[in-house]
Every structure is written in C-alpha cells, then in structure tokens.
Amino acid sequence: MVQADGLYKLLMKGKHPAGLIVETADTVLVTAAVAMEIPMVHKVDPEFFSEIKDGDLVTLDAVNGVIRVGAK
C-alpha cells in the first residue's frame, strides 16, 4: 500500500513518473500504475539497470513491452 500512497502523492503534486520499468512487479504496484494510468514494463533483465546511465533518454512502449534507450 505504501507504493500506491507514494505514487498518489506524487501524482497530486504533478511529479509522478512518466512510466515505470521494473524487474518484478507486485500486485500493489501494478494496481497503482493502472489506476493512475502510468505505463509500466516489467520482467526487465536486471542487466538493463546497470547499463542505463543518468541522462539517457528512455522511450517506453508498455503495450508491446519495448524499452528504447538513447543518449540525450
């Protein structure tokens, strides 16, 4: 429930994430993302998180489960 509450507070302040990229999604996170219309891709290879760098431009296609990464 903490995830949902935290996401809701961010949403109300206009500071919510544009999308979520997670290795493992639990029921609470999925429910919160759906309710708040935040796109999400899960079951992401853990190596992805070590390869992405601060400042990378990430495009998320949650419908097809596609993540594209490019430099700014």
PDB file of N, CA and C in Angstrom:
ATOM      1  N   MET A   1       0.805  -1.188   0.000  1.00  0.00           N
ATOM      2  CA  MET A   1       0.000   0.000   0.000  1.00  0.00           C
ATOM      3  C   MET A   1       0.855   1.261   0.000  1.00  0.00           C
ATOM      4  N   VAL A   2       2.057   1.173   0.532  1.00  0.00           N
ATOM      5  CA  VAL A   2       2.950   2.333   0.574  1.00  0.00           C
ATOM      6  C   VAL A   2       3.255   2.808  -0.843  1.00  0.00           C
ATOM      7  N   GLN A   3       3.474   1.871  -1.770  1.00  0.00           N
ATOM      8  CA  GLN A   3       3.759   2.256  -3.155  1.00  0.00           C
ATOM      9  C   GLN A   3       2.605   3.060  -3.738  1.00  0.00           C
ATOM     10  N   ALA A   4       1.398   2.590  -3.534  1.00  0.00           N
ATOM     11  CA  ALA A   4       0.226   3.269  -4.081  1.00  0.00           C
ATOM     12  C   ALA A   4       0.084   4.653  -3.467  1.00  0.00           C
ATOM     13  N   ASP A   5       0.275   4.758  -2.175  1.00  0.00           N
ATOM     14  CA  ASP A   5       0.164   6.044  -1.491  1.00  0.00           C
ATOM     15  C   ASP A   5       1.244   7.005  -1.976  1.00  0.00           C
ATOM     16  N   GLY A   6       2.454   6.499  -2.116  1.00  0.00           N
ATOM     17  CA  GLY A   6       3.554   7.337  -2.598  1.00  0.00           C
ATOM     18  C   GLY A   6       3.330   7.811  -4.023  1.00  0.00           C
ATOM     19  N   LEU A   7       2.890   6.921  -4.892  1.00  0.00           N
ATOM     20  CA  LEU A   7       2.599   7.306  -6.273  1.00  0.00           C
ATOM     21  C   LEU A   7       1.452   8.309  -6.333  1.00  0.00           C
ATOM     22  N   TYR A   8       0.447   8.104  -5.492  1.00  0.00           N
ATOM     23  CA  TYR A   8      -0.690   9.025  -5.471  1.00  0.00           C
ATOM     24  C   TYR A   8      -0.243  10.428  -5.049  1.00  0.00           C
ATOM     25  N   LYS A   9       0.591  10.504  -4.024  1.00  0.00           N
ATOM     26  CA  LYS A   9       1.086  11.808  -3.563  1.00  0.00           C
ATOM     27  C   LYS A   9       1.890  12.499  -4.659  1.00  0.00           C
ATOM     28  N   LEU A  10       2.722  11.727  -5.362  1.00  0.00           N
ATOM     29  CA  LEU A  10       3.487  12.298  -6.475  1.00  0.00           C
ATOM     30  C   LEU A  10       2.554  12.775  -7.586  1.00  0.00           C
ATOM     31  N   LEU A  11       1.522  11.991  -7.879  1.00  0.00           N
ATOM     32  CA  LEU A  11       0.552  12.355  -8.910  1.00  0.00           C
ATOM     33  C   LEU A  11      -0.149  13.671  -8.564  1.00  0.00           C
ATOM     34  N   MET A  12      -0.532  13.818  -7.311  1.00  0.00           N
ATOM     35  CA  MET A  12      -1.237  15.029  -6.877  1.00  0.00           C
ATOM     36  C   MET A  12      -0.340  16.268  -6.962  1.00  0.00           C
ATOM     37  N   LYS A  13       0.979  16.066  -6.858  1.00  0.00           N
ATOM     38  CA  LYS A  13       1.927  17.187  -6.951  1.00  0.00           C
ATOM     39  C   LYS A  13       2.436  17.386  -8.376  1.00  0.00           C
ATOM     40  N   GLY A  14       1.977  16.518  -9.301  1.00  0.00           N
ATOM     41  CA  GLY A  14       2.426  16.609 -10.685  1.00  0.00           C
ATOM     42  C   GLY A  14       3.856  16.142 -10.882  1.00  0.00           C
ATOM     43  N   LYS A  15       4.348  15.302  -9.972  1.00  0.00           N
ATOM     44  CA  LYS A  15       5.733  14.840 -10.031  1.00  0.00           C
ATOM     45  C   LYS A  15       5.835  13.318 -10.159  1.00  0.00           C
ATOM     46  N   HIS A  16       4.769  12.699 -10.640  1.00  0.00           N
ATOM     47  CA  HIS A  16       4.754  11.244 -10.798  1.00  0.00           C
ATOM     48  C   HIS A  16       5.638  10.831 -11.983  1.00  0.00           C
ATOM     49  N   PRO A  17       6.093   9.584 -11.976  1.00  0.00           N
ATOM     50  CA  PRO A  17       6.915   9.120 -13.097  1.00  0.00           C
ATOM     51  C   PRO A  17       6.091   9.035 -14.382  1.00  0.00           C
ATOM     52  N   ALA A  18       6.748   9.284 -15.499  1.00  0.00           N
ATOM     53  CA  ALA A  18       6.086   9.166 -16.803  1.00  0.00           C
ATOM     54  C   ALA A  18       5.840   7.701 -17.137  1.00  0.00           C
ATOM     55  N   GLY A  19       6.613   6.817 -16.543  1.00  0.00           N
ATOM     56  CA  GLY A  19       6.475   5.385 -16.756  1.00  0.00           C
ATOM     57  C   GLY A  19       7.288   4.634 -15.722  1.00  0.00           C
ATOM     58  N   LEU A  20       7.021   3.346 -15.594  1.00  0.00           N
ATOM     59  CA  LEU A  20       7.740   2.501 -14.646  1.00  0.00           C
ATOM     60  C   LEU A  20       8.409   1.358 -15.392  1.00  0.00           C
ATOM     61  N   ILE A  21       9.658   1.103 -15.053  1.00  0.00           N
ATOM     62  CA  ILE A  21      10.405  -0.024 -15.606  1.00  0.00           C
ATOM     63  C   ILE A  21      10.901  -0.823 -14.412  1.00  0.00           C
ATOM     64  N   VAL A  22      10.392  -2.040 -14.258  1.00  0.00           N
ATOM     65  CA  VAL A  22      10.712  -2.826 -13.071  1.00  0.00           C
ATOM     66  C   VAL A  22      11.100  -4.251 -13.442  1.00  0.00           C
ATOM     67  N   GLU A  23      11.918  -4.834 -12.589  1.00  0.00           N
ATOM     68  CA  GLU A  23      12.319  -6.229 -12.775  1.00  0.00           C
ATOM     69  C   GLU A  23      11.170  -7.153 -12.375  1.00  0.00           C
ATOM     70  N   THR A  24      10.567  -6.876 -11.230  1.00  0.00           N
ATOM     71  CA  THR A  24       9.466  -7.688 -10.731  1.00  0.00           C
ATOM     72  C   THR A  24       8.354  -6.765 -10.251  1.00  0.00           C
ATOM     73  N   ALA A  25       7.172  -6.940 -10.779  1.00  0.00           N
ATOM     74  CA  ALA A  25       6.029  -6.105 -10.392  1.00  0.00           C
ATOM     75  C   ALA A  25       5.122  -6.888  -9.457  1.00  0.00           C
ATOM     76  N   ASP A  26       4.830  -6.289  -8.303  1.00  0.00           N
ATOM     77  CA  ASP A  26       3.879  -6.941  -7.401  1.00  0.00           C
ATOM     78  C   ASP A  26       2.474  -6.387  -7.651  1.00  0.00           C
ATOM     79  N   THR A  27       1.498  -7.033  -7.064  1.00  0.00           N
ATOM     80  CA  THR A  27       0.100  -6.691  -7.303  1.00  0.00           C
ATOM     81  C   THR A  27      -0.225  -5.244  -6.943  1.00  0.00           C
ATOM     82  N   VAL A  28       0.319  -4.761  -5.842  1.00  0.00           N
ATOM     83  CA  VAL A  28       0.026  -3.394  -5.400  1.00  0.00           C
ATOM     84  C   VAL A  28       0.571  -2.379  -6.397  1.00  0.00           C
ATOM     85  N   LEU A  29       1.792  -2.598  -6.862  1.00  0.00           N
ATOM     86  CA  LEU A  29       2.398  -1.669  -7.819  1.00  0.00           C
ATOM     87  C   LEU A  29       1.631  -1.675  -9.144  1.00  0.00           C
ATOM     88  N   VAL A  30       1.277  -2.850  -9.618  1.00  0.00           N
ATOM     89  CA  VAL A  30       0.519  -2.951 -10.873  1.00  0.00           C
ATOM     90  C   VAL A  30      -0.833  -2.247 -10.738  1.00  0.00           C
ATOM     91  N   THR A  31      -1.524  -2.492  -9.640  1.00  0.00           N
ATOM     92  CA  THR A  31      -2.825  -1.860  -9.414  1.00  0.00           C
ATOM     93  C   THR A  31      -2.699  -0.339  -9.371  1.00  0.00           C
ATOM     94  N   ALA A  32      -1.686   0.155  -8.672  1.00  0.00           N
ATOM     95  CA  ALA A  32      -1.472   1.604  -8.577  1.00  0.00           C
ATOM     96  C   ALA A  32      -1.165   2.195  -9.948  1.00  0.00           C
ATOM     97  N   ALA A  33      -0.313   1.523 -10.707  1.00  0.00           N
ATOM     98  CA  ALA A  33       0.053   2.018 -12.037  1.00  0.00           C
ATOM     99  C   ALA A  33      -1.166   2.066 -12.960  1.00  0.00           C
ATOM    100  N   VAL A  34      -1.985   1.035 -12.914  1.00  0.00           N
ATOM    101  CA  VAL A  34      -3.190   1.004 -13.752  1.00  0.00           C
ATOM    102  C   VAL A  34      -4.161   2.102 -13.324  1.00  0.00           C
ATOM    103  N   ALA A  35      -4.397   2.226 -12.032  1.00  0.00           N
ATOM    104  CA  ALA A  35      -5.347   3.217 -11.523  1.00  0.00           C
ATOM    105  C   ALA A  35      -4.911   4.642 -11.857  1.00  0.00           C
ATOM    106  N   MET A  36      -3.593   4.867 -11.866  1.00  0.00           N
ATOM    107  CA  MET A  36      -3.074   6.215 -12.121  1.00  0.00           C
ATOM    108  C   MET A  36      -2.638   6.421 -13.568  1.00  0.00           C
ATOM    109  N   GLU A  37      -2.919   5.393 -14.388  1.00  0.00           N
ATOM    110  CA  GLU A  37      -2.604   5.443 -15.818  1.00  0.00           C
ATOM    111  C   GLU A  37      -1.128   5.723 -16.085  1.00  0.00           C
ATOM    112  N   ILE A  38      -0.259   5.049 -15.319  1.00  0.00           N
ATOM    113  CA  ILE A  38       1.188   5.154 -15.509  1.00  0.00           C
ATOM    114  C   ILE A  38       1.631   3.900 -16.259  1.00  0.00           C
ATOM    115  N   PRO A  39       2.182   4.046 -17.465  1.00  0.00           N
ATOM    116  CA  PRO A  39       2.622   2.863 -18.217  1.00  0.00           C
ATOM    117  C   PRO A  39       3.756   2.146 -17.494  1.00  0.00           C
ATOM    118  N   MET A  40       3.788   0.813 -17.640  1.00  0.00           N
ATOM    119  CA  MET A  40       4.803   0.027 -16.947  1.00  0.00           C
ATOM    120  C   MET A  40       5.237  -1.151 -17.805  1.00  0.00           C
ATOM    121  N   VAL A  41       6.530  -1.424 -17.774  1.00  0.00           N
ATOM    122  CA  VAL A  41       7.092  -2.642 -18.359  1.00  0.00           C
ATOM    123  C   VAL A  41       7.755  -3.392 -17.211  1.00  0.00           C
ATOM    124  N   HIS A  42       7.463  -4.687 -17.095  1.00  0.00           N
ATOM    125  CA  HIS A  42       8.085  -5.484 -16.038  1.00  0.00           C
ATOM    126  C   HIS A  42       8.769  -6.702 -16.641  1.00  0.00           C
ATOM    127  N   LYS A  43       9.401  -7.482 -15.790  1.00  0.00           N
ATOM    128  CA  LYS A  43      10.223  -8.628 -16.191  1.00  0.00           C
ATOM    129  C   LYS A  43      11.398  -8.155 -17.043  1.00  0.00           C
ATOM    130  N   VAL A  44      11.952  -7.012 -16.657  1.00  0.00           N
ATOM    131  CA  VAL A  44      13.095  -6.437 -17.359  1.00  0.00           C
ATOM    132  C   VAL A  44      14.359  -7.135 -16.875  1.00  0.00           C
ATOM    133  N   ASP A  45      15.240  -7.463 -17.798  1.00  0.00           N
ATOM    134  CA  ASP A  45      16.513  -8.095 -17.468  1.00  0.00           C
ATOM    135  C   ASP A  45      17.264  -7.207 -16.480  1.00  0.00           C
ATOM    136  N   PRO A  46      17.733  -7.768 -15.359  1.00  0.00           N
ATOM    137  CA  PRO A  46      18.443  -6.972 -14.355  1.00  0.00           C
ATOM    138  C   PRO A  46      19.652  -6.215 -14.925  1.00  0.00           C
ATOM    139  N   GLU A  47      20.235  -6.731 -15.987  1.00  0.00           N
ATOM    140  CA  GLU A  47      21.387  -6.077 -16.606  1.00  0.00           C
ATOM    141  C   GLU A  47      21.020  -4.694 -17.157  1.00  0.00           C
ATOM    142  N   PHE A  48      19.775  -4.509 -17.535  1.00  0.00           N
ATOM    143  CA  PHE A  48      19.313  -3.221 -18.053  1.00  0.00           C
ATOM    144  C   PHE A  48      19.626  -2.097 -17.074  1.00  0.00           C
ATOM    145  N   PHE A  49      19.408  -2.358 -15.796  1.00  0.00           N
ATOM    146  CA  PHE A  49      19.573  -1.317 -14.784  1.00  0.00           C
ATOM    147  C   PHE A  49      21.033  -0.925 -14.579  1.00  0.00           C
ATOM    148  N   SER A  50      21.958  -1.816 -14.893  1.00  0.00           N
ATOM    149  CA  SER A  50      23.379  -1.458 -14.778  1.00  0.00           C
ATOM    150  C   SER A  50      23.883  -0.778 -16.052  1.00  0.00           C
ATOM    151  N   GLU A  51      23.174  -0.957 -17.157  1.00  0.00           N
ATOM    152  CA  GLU A  51      23.595  -0.359 -18.427  1.00  0.00           C
ATOM    153  C   GLU A  51      23.075   1.062 -18.619  1.00  0.00           C
ATOM    154  N   ILE A  52      21.930   1.374 -18.068  1.00  0.00           N
ATOM    155  CA  ILE A  52      21.337   2.697 -18.260  1.00  0.00           C
ATOM    156  C   ILE A  52      22.103   3.730 -17.428  1.00  0.00           C
ATOM    157  N   LYS A  53      22.244   4.929 -18.001  1.00  0.00           N
ATOM    158  CA  LYS A  53      23.003   5.974 -17.323  1.00  0.00           C
ATOM    159  C   LYS A  53      22.116   7.184 -17.065  1.00  0.00           C
ATOM    160  N   ASP A  54      22.485   7.947 -16.062  1.00  0.00           N
ATOM    161  CA  ASP A  54      21.797   9.197 -15.766  1.00  0.00           C
ATOM    162  C   ASP A  54      21.869  10.097 -16.990  1.00  0.00           C
ATOM    163  N   GLY A  55      20.752  10.626 -17.398  1.00  0.00           N
ATOM    164  CA  GLY A  55      20.718  11.498 -18.566  1.00  0.00           C
ATOM    165  C   GLY A  55      20.308  10.795 -19.850  1.00  0.00           C
ATOM    166  N   ASP A  56      20.234   9.446 -19.840  1.00  0.00           N
ATOM    167  CA  ASP A  56      19.764   8.719 -21.022  1.00  0.00           C
ATOM    168  C   ASP A  56      18.295   9.044 -21.272  1.00  0.00           C
ATOM    169  N   LEU A  57      17.935   9.127 -22.530  1.00  0.00           N
ATOM    170  CA  LEU A  57      16.543   9.338 -22.918  1.00  0.00           C
ATOM    171  C   LEU A  57      15.903   7.964 -23.098  1.00  0.00           C
ATOM    172  N   VAL A  58      14.867   7.693 -22.335  1.00  0.00           N
ATOM    173  CA  VAL A  58      14.219   6.383 -22.366  1.00  0.00           C
ATOM    174  C   VAL A  58      12.816   6.533 -22.939  1.00  0.00           C
ATOM    175  N   THR A  59      12.513   5.711 -23.938  1.00  0.00           N
ATOM    176  CA  THR A  59      11.180   5.659 -24.522  1.00  0.00           C
ATOM    177  C   THR A  59      10.570   4.321 -24.141  1.00  0.00           C
ATOM    178  N   LEU A  60       9.369   4.363 -23.612  1.00  0.00           N
ATOM    179  CA  LEU A  60       8.717   3.177 -23.081  1.00  0.00           C
ATOM    180  C   LEU A  60       7.441   2.893 -23.869  1.00  0.00           C
ATOM    181  N   ASP A  61       7.365   1.691 -24.443  1.00  0.00           N
ATOM    182  CA  ASP A  61       6.152   1.226 -25.116  1.00  0.00           C
ATOM    183  C   ASP A  61       5.586   0.096 -24.261  1.00  0.00           C
ATOM    184  N   ALA A  62       4.718   0.458 -23.321  1.00  0.00           N
ATOM    185  CA  ALA A  62       4.198  -0.516 -22.368  1.00  0.00           C
ATOM    186  C   ALA A  62       3.283  -1.543 -23.027  1.00  0.00           C
ATOM    187  N   VAL A  63       2.614  -1.177 -24.107  1.00  0.00           N
ATOM    188  CA  VAL A  63       1.709  -2.104 -24.791  1.00  0.00           C
ATOM    189  C   VAL A  63       2.480  -3.295 -25.348  1.00  0.00           C
ATOM    190  N   ASN A  64       3.636  -3.022 -25.953  1.00  0.00           N
ATOM    191  CA  ASN A  64       4.437  -4.080 -26.568  1.00  0.00           C
ATOM    192  C   ASN A  64       5.622  -4.513 -25.716  1.00  0.00           C
ATOM    193  N   GLY A  65       5.807  -3.892 -24.548  1.00  0.00           N
ATOM    194  CA  GLY A  65       6.906  -4.256 -23.658  1.00  0.00           C
ATOM    195  C   GLY A  65       8.269  -3.892 -24.206  1.00  0.00           C
ATOM    196  N   VAL A  66       8.341  -2.780 -24.925  1.00  0.00           N
ATOM    197  CA  VAL A  66       9.595  -2.372 -25.566  1.00  0.00           C
ATOM    198  C   VAL A  66      10.157  -1.138 -24.863  1.00  0.00           C
ATOM    199  N   ILE A  67      11.462  -1.188 -24.582  1.00  0.00           N
ATOM    200  CA  ILE A  67      12.169  -0.057 -23.980  1.00  0.00           C
ATOM    201  C   ILE A  67      13.288   0.333 -24.929  1.00  0.00           C
ATOM    202  N   ARG A  68      13.331   1.614 -25.289  1.00  0.00           N
ATOM    203  CA  ARG A  68      14.413   2.121 -26.140  1.00  0.00           C
ATOM    204  C   ARG A  68      15.209   3.132 -25.333  1.00  0.00           C
ATOM    205  N   VAL A  69      16.536   3.023 -25.418  1.00  0.00           N
ATOM    206  CA  VAL A  69      17.416   3.927 -24.686  1.00  0.00           C
ATOM    207  C   VAL A  69      18.327   4.625 -25.672  1.00  0.00           C
ATOM    208  N   GLY A  70      18.413   5.941 -25.538  1.00  0.00           N
ATOM    209  CA  GLY A  70      19.312   6.729 -26.368  1.00  0.00           C
ATOM    210  C   GLY A  70      19.872   7.872 -25.548  1.00  0.00           C
ATOM    211  N   ALA A  71      21.038   8.339 -25.914  1.00  0.00           N
ATOM    212  CA  ALA A  71      21.650   9.458 -25.204  1.00  0.00           C
ATOM    213  C   ALA A  71      20.882  10.730 -25.506  1.00  0.00           C
ATOM    214  N   LYS A  72      20.918  11.671 -24.579  1.00  0.00           N
ATOM    215  CA  LYS A  72      20.268  12.980 -24.769  1.00  0.00           C
ATOM    216  C   LYS A  72      20.918  13.738 -25.882  1.00  0.00           C
TER     217      LYS A  72
END
